[in-house]
């Protein structure tokens, strides 16, 4: 796993990110190669607009490799997280910043594994997995369900 810091914003260290990724992959995927890139708002906006057709930055983007590549076995894809947006969202939602980071890293990793939230049923499954992984890491339900 590679962690890239493309911003001066505070962000979790590589050991934390690795722990969250390993928890998300545990029991779902053996070894995997992936990159987590922490970006500023400008890069977050550019990537969201170019690859997802969104407007402005978004908190997390996942870019799946899809099929296994013979030249890069185990390559899963890339996760991009916009650090300033994570900070603002955590404050606005009244969540500890670390817990929000953990949630977004886990969310991105589950996308790389093929999970989605495009419809209500898929969202229910994905949110349940996120909650389970985060609970195992000691974080509260990010969706505030009891």
N, C-alpha and C. Protein backbone atom coordinates (compact mmCIF):
# COMPACT_ATOMS: atom_id res chain seq x y z
N UNK A 1 0.84 -1.17 0.00
CA UNK A 1 0.00 0.00 0.00
C UNK A 1 0.89 1.23 0.00
N UNK A 2 0.50 2.18 -0.80
CA UNK A 2 1.21 3.44 -0.89
C UNK A 2 0.29 4.55 -0.40
N UNK A 3 0.80 5.42 0.45
CA UNK A 3 0.04 6.59 0.90
C UNK A 3 0.79 7.82 0.40
N UNK A 4 0.06 8.67 -0.32
CA UNK A 4 0.65 9.89 -0.87
C UNK A 4 -0.02 11.10 -0.23
N UNK A 5 0.78 12.05 0.19
CA UNK A 5 0.27 13.28 0.79
C UNK A 5 0.53 14.42 -0.19
N UNK A 6 -0.54 14.90 -0.83
CA UNK A 6 -0.44 15.97 -1.81
C UNK A 6 -1.09 17.24 -1.28
N UNK A 7 -0.94 17.46 0.02
CA UNK A 7 -1.51 18.63 0.67
C UNK A 7 -0.72 18.91 1.94
N UNK A 8 -0.80 20.13 2.41
CA UNK A 8 -0.16 20.49 3.68
C UNK A 8 -1.12 20.31 4.85
N UNK A 9 -2.37 19.95 4.57
CA UNK A 9 -3.37 19.75 5.62
C UNK A 9 -2.97 18.58 6.52
N UNK A 10 -3.39 18.66 7.78
CA UNK A 10 -3.18 17.53 8.68
C UNK A 10 -3.97 16.34 8.17
N UNK A 11 -3.37 15.18 8.27
CA UNK A 11 -4.01 13.94 7.83
C UNK A 11 -3.45 12.80 8.67
N UNK A 12 -4.18 11.70 8.74
CA UNK A 12 -3.67 10.54 9.49
C UNK A 12 -2.36 10.04 8.91
N UNK A 13 -1.56 9.41 9.76
CA UNK A 13 -0.29 8.88 9.28
C UNK A 13 -0.52 7.55 8.54
N UNK A 14 0.53 7.09 7.91
CA UNK A 14 0.45 5.87 7.10
C UNK A 14 0.02 4.66 7.92
N UNK A 15 0.48 4.57 9.16
CA UNK A 15 0.13 3.41 10.00
C UNK A 15 -1.38 3.37 10.27
N UNK A 16 -1.98 4.53 10.54
CA UNK A 16 -3.43 4.57 10.76
C UNK A 16 -4.18 4.16 9.49
N UNK A 17 -3.79 4.73 8.39
CA UNK A 17 -4.46 4.43 7.12
C UNK A 17 -4.32 2.96 6.79
N UNK A 18 -3.15 2.40 6.98
CA UNK A 18 -2.92 0.96 6.73
C UNK A 18 -3.85 0.12 7.61
N UNK A 19 -3.99 0.48 8.88
CA UNK A 19 -4.85 -0.25 9.81
C UNK A 19 -6.30 -0.24 9.32
N UNK A 20 -6.77 0.91 8.87
CA UNK A 20 -8.15 1.02 8.39
C UNK A 20 -8.35 0.22 7.11
N UNK A 21 -7.38 0.27 6.20
CA UNK A 21 -7.47 -0.50 4.95
C UNK A 21 -7.48 -1.99 5.26
N UNK A 22 -6.57 -2.43 6.11
CA UNK A 22 -6.50 -3.85 6.44
C UNK A 22 -7.80 -4.33 7.08
N UNK A 23 -8.42 -3.51 7.90
CA UNK A 23 -9.70 -3.88 8.52
C UNK A 23 -10.80 -3.99 7.46
N UNK A 24 -10.81 -3.10 6.49
CA UNK A 24 -11.82 -3.13 5.43
C UNK A 24 -11.64 -4.35 4.54
N UNK A 25 -10.40 -4.76 4.30
CA UNK A 25 -10.13 -5.89 3.41
C UNK A 25 -10.22 -7.24 4.12
N UNK A 26 -10.10 -7.25 5.44
CA UNK A 26 -10.05 -8.50 6.21
C UNK A 26 -11.27 -9.38 5.92
N UNK A 27 -10.99 -10.61 5.52
CA UNK A 27 -12.06 -11.56 5.24
C UNK A 27 -12.75 -11.32 3.91
N UNK A 28 -12.35 -10.28 3.20
CA UNK A 28 -12.98 -9.95 1.93
C UNK A 28 -12.00 -10.05 0.77
N UNK A 29 -10.73 -9.88 1.08
CA UNK A 29 -9.69 -9.90 0.06
C UNK A 29 -8.37 -10.22 0.74
N UNK A 30 -7.60 -11.09 0.14
CA UNK A 30 -6.28 -11.40 0.69
C UNK A 30 -5.37 -10.20 0.54
N UNK A 31 -4.27 -10.40 -0.11
CA UNK A 31 -3.36 -9.29 -0.31
C UNK A 31 -3.86 -8.40 -1.44
N UNK A 32 -3.54 -7.15 -1.34
CA UNK A 32 -3.96 -6.20 -2.37
C UNK A 32 -3.00 -5.03 -2.38
N UNK A 33 -2.77 -4.51 -3.55
CA UNK A 33 -1.98 -3.29 -3.71
C UNK A 33 -2.94 -2.16 -4.03
N UNK A 34 -2.77 -1.05 -3.33
CA UNK A 34 -3.59 0.11 -3.61
C UNK A 34 -2.86 1.36 -3.16
N UNK A 35 -3.35 2.49 -3.62
CA UNK A 35 -2.80 3.78 -3.24
C UNK A 35 -3.90 4.59 -2.58
N UNK A 36 -3.54 5.25 -1.50
CA UNK A 36 -4.41 6.24 -0.86
C UNK A 36 -3.71 7.58 -1.04
N UNK A 37 -4.38 8.49 -1.69
CA UNK A 37 -3.81 9.82 -1.96
C UNK A 37 -4.63 10.86 -1.21
N UNK A 38 -3.97 11.65 -0.37
CA UNK A 38 -4.61 12.71 0.39
C UNK A 38 -4.36 14.01 -0.36
N UNK A 39 -5.44 14.70 -0.73
CA UNK A 39 -5.32 15.86 -1.62
C UNK A 39 -5.93 17.12 -1.00
N UNK A 40 -5.63 18.25 -1.65
CA UNK A 40 -6.25 19.52 -1.28
C UNK A 40 -7.54 19.69 -2.08
N UNK A 41 -8.23 20.79 -1.85
CA UNK A 41 -9.52 20.99 -2.53
C UNK A 41 -9.37 21.14 -4.04
N UNK A 42 -8.31 21.79 -4.49
CA UNK A 42 -8.14 21.98 -5.92
C UNK A 42 -8.02 20.63 -6.65
N UNK A 43 -7.15 19.76 -6.15
CA UNK A 43 -6.99 18.45 -6.79
C UNK A 43 -8.26 17.62 -6.64
N UNK A 44 -8.90 17.71 -5.48
CA UNK A 44 -10.15 16.99 -5.26
C UNK A 44 -11.23 17.42 -6.24
N UNK A 45 -11.32 18.71 -6.48
CA UNK A 45 -12.29 19.25 -7.45
C UNK A 45 -11.96 18.78 -8.85
N UNK A 46 -10.69 18.89 -9.24
CA UNK A 46 -10.28 18.49 -10.60
C UNK A 46 -10.59 17.02 -10.86
N UNK A 47 -10.26 16.16 -9.92
CA UNK A 47 -10.51 14.73 -10.10
C UNK A 47 -12.00 14.41 -10.13
N UNK A 48 -12.77 15.03 -9.24
CA UNK A 48 -14.21 14.78 -9.21
C UNK A 48 -14.88 15.24 -10.50
N UNK A 49 -14.49 16.40 -10.99
CA UNK A 49 -15.10 16.92 -12.21
C UNK A 49 -14.66 16.11 -13.43
N UNK A 50 -13.40 15.75 -13.49
CA UNK A 50 -12.88 15.02 -14.66
C UNK A 50 -13.39 13.59 -14.74
N UNK A 51 -13.37 12.87 -13.62
CA UNK A 51 -13.64 11.43 -13.66
C UNK A 51 -15.04 11.05 -13.21
N UNK A 52 -15.71 11.90 -12.46
CA UNK A 52 -17.04 11.54 -11.97
C UNK A 52 -18.12 12.51 -12.44
N UNK A 53 -17.73 13.57 -13.12
CA UNK A 53 -18.71 14.54 -13.62
C UNK A 53 -19.35 15.35 -12.51
N UNK A 54 -18.72 15.36 -11.33
CA UNK A 54 -19.25 16.12 -10.20
C UNK A 54 -18.86 17.58 -10.28
N UNK A 55 -19.35 18.34 -9.34
CA UNK A 55 -19.03 19.75 -9.24
C UNK A 55 -18.32 19.98 -7.92
N UNK A 56 -17.16 20.57 -7.96
CA UNK A 56 -16.40 20.83 -6.74
C UNK A 56 -15.77 19.57 -6.19
N UNK A 57 -15.06 19.71 -5.07
CA UNK A 57 -14.41 18.55 -4.47
C UNK A 57 -15.44 17.64 -3.80
N UNK A 58 -15.08 16.40 -3.64
CA UNK A 58 -15.89 15.46 -2.88
C UNK A 58 -14.97 14.83 -1.83
N UNK A 59 -15.56 14.24 -0.80
CA UNK A 59 -14.73 13.75 0.30
C UNK A 59 -13.86 12.56 -0.09
N UNK A 60 -14.42 11.60 -0.83
CA UNK A 60 -13.64 10.41 -1.20
C UNK A 60 -14.01 9.96 -2.60
N UNK A 61 -13.00 9.58 -3.35
CA UNK A 61 -13.16 9.00 -4.68
C UNK A 61 -12.41 7.68 -4.70
N UNK A 62 -12.98 6.70 -5.37
CA UNK A 62 -12.32 5.40 -5.53
C UNK A 62 -12.22 5.10 -7.01
N UNK A 63 -11.04 4.67 -7.41
CA UNK A 63 -10.79 4.32 -8.80
C UNK A 63 -10.36 2.86 -8.85
N UNK A 64 -11.27 2.01 -9.26
CA UNK A 64 -11.04 0.57 -9.29
C UNK A 64 -10.31 0.16 -10.55
N UNK A 65 -9.36 -0.74 -10.40
CA UNK A 65 -8.66 -1.28 -11.55
C UNK A 65 -9.62 -2.17 -12.34
N UNK A 66 -10.47 -2.89 -11.63
CA UNK A 66 -11.41 -3.80 -12.29
C UNK A 66 -10.81 -5.18 -12.39
N UNK A 67 -10.47 -5.58 -13.59
CA UNK A 67 -9.87 -6.90 -13.80
C UNK A 67 -8.43 -6.90 -13.29
N UNK A 68 -7.98 -8.07 -12.87
CA UNK A 68 -6.58 -8.18 -12.44
C UNK A 68 -5.69 -8.05 -13.65
N UNK A 69 -4.68 -7.24 -13.51
CA UNK A 69 -3.73 -7.00 -14.59
C UNK A 69 -2.55 -7.95 -14.46
N UNK A 70 -2.20 -8.67 -15.52
CA UNK A 70 -1.07 -9.60 -15.44
C UNK A 70 0.23 -8.93 -14.99
N UNK A 71 0.43 -7.68 -15.40
CA UNK A 71 1.65 -6.96 -15.05
C UNK A 71 1.64 -6.46 -13.61
N UNK A 72 0.46 -6.44 -12.99
CA UNK A 72 0.34 -5.93 -11.62
C UNK A 72 -0.66 -6.76 -10.83
N UNK A 73 -0.32 -8.01 -10.55
CA UNK A 73 -1.26 -8.86 -9.82
C UNK A 73 -1.54 -8.28 -8.43
N UNK A 74 -2.80 -8.33 -8.04
CA UNK A 74 -3.19 -7.84 -6.73
C UNK A 74 -3.51 -6.36 -6.70
N UNK A 75 -3.31 -5.65 -7.81
CA UNK A 75 -3.59 -4.22 -7.84
C UNK A 75 -5.09 -3.99 -7.76
N UNK A 76 -5.51 -3.28 -6.74
CA UNK A 76 -6.94 -3.06 -6.49
C UNK A 76 -7.41 -1.71 -7.02
N UNK A 77 -6.63 -0.66 -6.83
CA UNK A 77 -7.01 0.66 -7.32
C UNK A 77 -6.49 1.76 -6.43
N UNK A 78 -7.14 2.92 -6.54
CA UNK A 78 -6.73 4.12 -5.82
C UNK A 78 -7.90 4.71 -5.05
N UNK A 79 -7.59 5.26 -3.90
CA UNK A 79 -8.56 6.02 -3.10
C UNK A 79 -8.00 7.42 -2.96
N UNK A 80 -8.82 8.42 -3.22
CA UNK A 80 -8.41 9.82 -3.09
C UNK A 80 -9.32 10.46 -2.05
N UNK A 81 -8.71 11.11 -1.06
CA UNK A 81 -9.49 11.75 0.00
C UNK A 81 -9.08 13.22 0.09
N UNK A 82 -10.08 14.09 0.13
CA UNK A 82 -9.87 15.53 0.19
C UNK A 82 -9.81 15.97 1.66
N UNK A 83 -8.58 16.24 2.13
CA UNK A 83 -8.35 16.53 3.55
C UNK A 83 -9.15 17.71 4.10
N UNK A 84 -9.19 18.87 3.42
CA UNK A 84 -9.93 19.99 4.00
C UNK A 84 -11.43 19.70 4.12
N UNK A 85 -11.95 18.94 3.18
CA UNK A 85 -13.37 18.60 3.21
C UNK A 85 -13.67 17.64 4.36
N UNK A 86 -12.77 16.71 4.62
CA UNK A 86 -12.94 15.79 5.75
C UNK A 86 -13.04 16.58 7.05
N UNK A 87 -12.16 17.54 7.23
CA UNK A 87 -12.15 18.35 8.45
C UNK A 87 -13.48 19.11 8.60
N UNK A 88 -13.93 19.75 7.53
CA UNK A 88 -15.19 20.53 7.60
C UNK A 88 -16.39 19.63 7.86
N UNK A 89 -16.45 18.49 7.17
CA UNK A 89 -17.57 17.57 7.37
C UNK A 89 -17.62 17.04 8.80
N UNK A 90 -16.48 16.66 9.32
CA UNK A 90 -16.44 16.13 10.69
C UNK A 90 -16.98 17.18 11.66
N UNK A 91 -16.54 18.41 11.51
CA UNK A 91 -17.01 19.48 12.39
C UNK A 91 -18.51 19.71 12.22
N UNK A 92 -18.97 19.76 10.97
CA UNK A 92 -20.39 20.01 10.70
C UNK A 92 -21.28 18.89 11.22
N UNK A 93 -20.77 17.65 11.19
CA UNK A 93 -21.55 16.49 11.63
C UNK A 93 -21.34 16.17 13.11
N UNK A 94 -20.48 16.93 13.78
CA UNK A 94 -20.22 16.70 15.19
C UNK A 94 -19.53 15.38 15.47
N UNK A 95 -18.67 14.95 14.54
CA UNK A 95 -17.95 13.68 14.67
C UNK A 95 -16.48 13.95 14.97
N UNK A 96 -15.83 13.05 15.68
CA UNK A 96 -14.38 13.19 15.81
C UNK A 96 -13.75 13.07 14.42
N UNK A 97 -12.78 13.92 14.16
CA UNK A 97 -12.15 13.93 12.84
C UNK A 97 -11.54 12.57 12.49
N UNK A 98 -10.89 11.94 13.46
CA UNK A 98 -10.27 10.63 13.21
C UNK A 98 -11.32 9.60 12.79
N UNK A 99 -12.47 9.62 13.43
CA UNK A 99 -13.54 8.67 13.08
C UNK A 99 -14.03 8.91 11.66
N UNK A 100 -14.12 10.17 11.26
CA UNK A 100 -14.58 10.48 9.90
C UNK A 100 -13.54 10.03 8.88
N UNK A 101 -12.26 10.25 9.19
CA UNK A 101 -11.20 9.75 8.32
C UNK A 101 -11.30 8.24 8.16
N UNK A 102 -11.44 7.54 9.29
CA UNK A 102 -11.54 6.08 9.24
C UNK A 102 -12.71 5.65 8.38
N UNK A 103 -13.85 6.32 8.54
CA UNK A 103 -15.04 5.97 7.76
C UNK A 103 -14.78 6.15 6.27
N UNK A 104 -14.18 7.26 5.89
CA UNK A 104 -13.97 7.51 4.46
C UNK A 104 -12.94 6.56 3.85
N UNK A 105 -11.92 6.20 4.60
CA UNK A 105 -10.95 5.23 4.10
C UNK A 105 -11.62 3.87 3.92
N UNK A 106 -12.39 3.44 4.91
CA UNK A 106 -13.11 2.16 4.81
C UNK A 106 -14.11 2.21 3.66
N UNK A 107 -14.84 3.30 3.54
CA UNK A 107 -15.82 3.48 2.46
C UNK A 107 -15.13 3.34 1.10
N UNK A 108 -14.00 4.03 0.93
CA UNK A 108 -13.27 3.95 -0.32
C UNK A 108 -12.77 2.55 -0.62
N UNK A 109 -12.27 1.86 0.41
CA UNK A 109 -11.78 0.49 0.22
C UNK A 109 -12.91 -0.45 -0.18
N UNK A 110 -14.08 -0.29 0.42
CA UNK A 110 -15.22 -1.15 0.05
C UNK A 110 -15.66 -0.89 -1.39
N UNK A 111 -15.56 0.36 -1.83
CA UNK A 111 -15.83 0.64 -3.26
C UNK A 111 -14.84 -0.13 -4.14
N UNK A 112 -13.57 -0.15 -3.75
CA UNK A 112 -12.57 -0.88 -4.55
C UNK A 112 -12.88 -2.36 -4.61
N UNK A 113 -13.56 -2.87 -3.58
CA UNK A 113 -13.94 -4.28 -3.56
C UNK A 113 -15.23 -4.55 -4.34
N UNK A 114 -15.83 -3.50 -4.89
CA UNK A 114 -17.02 -3.68 -5.73
C UNK A 114 -18.33 -3.29 -5.07
N UNK A 115 -18.29 -2.84 -3.84
CA UNK A 115 -19.52 -2.41 -3.17
C UNK A 115 -19.92 -1.02 -3.66
N UNK A 116 -21.21 -0.76 -3.61
CA UNK A 116 -21.72 0.53 -4.08
C UNK A 116 -22.93 0.91 -3.26
N UNK A 117 -23.42 2.11 -3.50
CA UNK A 117 -24.61 2.60 -2.81
C UNK A 117 -25.53 3.32 -3.79
N UNK A 118 -25.56 2.79 -5.02
CA UNK A 118 -26.35 3.42 -6.08
C UNK A 118 -27.85 3.26 -5.86
N UNK A 119 -28.26 2.19 -5.21
CA UNK A 119 -29.68 2.03 -4.90
C UNK A 119 -29.82 1.70 -3.42
N UNK A 120 -31.04 1.70 -2.93
CA UNK A 120 -31.29 1.53 -1.50
C UNK A 120 -30.75 0.21 -0.96
N UNK A 121 -30.90 -0.88 -1.69
CA UNK A 121 -30.44 -2.18 -1.21
C UNK A 121 -28.91 -2.23 -1.14
N UNK A 122 -28.26 -1.75 -2.19
CA UNK A 122 -26.79 -1.70 -2.19
C UNK A 122 -26.29 -0.81 -1.05
N UNK A 123 -26.95 0.32 -0.86
CA UNK A 123 -26.55 1.25 0.21
C UNK A 123 -26.69 0.59 1.57
N UNK A 124 -27.75 -0.15 1.77
CA UNK A 124 -27.97 -0.83 3.05
C UNK A 124 -26.85 -1.84 3.32
N UNK A 125 -26.48 -2.61 2.31
CA UNK A 125 -25.41 -3.60 2.46
C UNK A 125 -24.08 -2.90 2.74
N UNK A 126 -23.76 -1.87 1.95
CA UNK A 126 -22.48 -1.19 2.11
C UNK A 126 -22.39 -0.49 3.46
N UNK A 127 -23.45 0.19 3.86
CA UNK A 127 -23.45 0.89 5.15
C UNK A 127 -23.32 -0.10 6.30
N UNK A 128 -23.92 -1.26 6.17
CA UNK A 128 -23.81 -2.29 7.20
C UNK A 128 -22.36 -2.78 7.32
N UNK A 129 -21.71 -2.99 6.18
CA UNK A 129 -20.30 -3.40 6.19
C UNK A 129 -19.42 -2.32 6.80
N UNK A 130 -19.66 -1.07 6.42
CA UNK A 130 -18.87 0.04 6.97
C UNK A 130 -19.01 0.08 8.49
N UNK A 131 -20.23 -0.02 8.95
CA UNK A 131 -20.51 0.03 10.38
C UNK A 131 -19.83 -1.11 11.11
N UNK A 132 -19.88 -2.30 10.52
CA UNK A 132 -19.24 -3.48 11.12
C UNK A 132 -17.72 -3.30 11.22
N UNK A 133 -17.10 -2.84 10.15
CA UNK A 133 -15.66 -2.63 10.14
C UNK A 133 -15.28 -1.55 11.15
N UNK A 134 -15.99 -0.45 11.14
CA UNK A 134 -15.68 0.65 12.05
C UNK A 134 -15.89 0.26 13.50
N UNK A 135 -16.92 -0.53 13.77
CA UNK A 135 -17.15 -1.01 15.13
C UNK A 135 -15.96 -1.85 15.60
N UNK A 136 -15.47 -2.70 14.71
CA UNK A 136 -14.31 -3.53 15.03
C UNK A 136 -13.05 -2.71 15.31
N UNK A 137 -13.02 -1.50 14.76
CA UNK A 137 -11.90 -0.59 14.99
C UNK A 137 -12.13 0.32 16.20
N UNK A 138 -13.32 0.22 16.79
CA UNK A 138 -13.62 1.02 17.97
C UNK A 138 -14.28 2.36 17.69
N UNK A 139 -14.83 2.53 16.49
CA UNK A 139 -15.50 3.78 16.14
C UNK A 139 -17.01 3.59 16.16
N UNK A 140 -17.74 4.67 16.44
CA UNK A 140 -19.19 4.65 16.46
C UNK A 140 -19.75 4.48 15.05
N UNK A 141 -21.01 4.09 14.99
CA UNK A 141 -21.74 3.98 13.72
C UNK A 141 -21.73 5.35 13.03
N UNK A 142 -21.15 5.43 11.84
CA UNK A 142 -21.08 6.73 11.16
C UNK A 142 -22.44 7.24 10.70
N UNK A 143 -23.43 6.36 10.70
CA UNK A 143 -24.77 6.75 10.27
C UNK A 143 -25.68 7.01 11.45
N UNK A 144 -25.13 6.95 12.65
CA UNK A 144 -25.85 7.24 13.92
C UNK A 144 -27.08 6.40 14.14
N UNK A 145 -27.01 5.15 13.69
CA UNK A 145 -28.12 4.23 13.97
C UNK A 145 -27.86 3.55 15.30
N UNK A 146 -28.92 3.20 16.00
CA UNK A 146 -28.71 2.50 17.28
C UNK A 146 -29.10 1.05 17.15
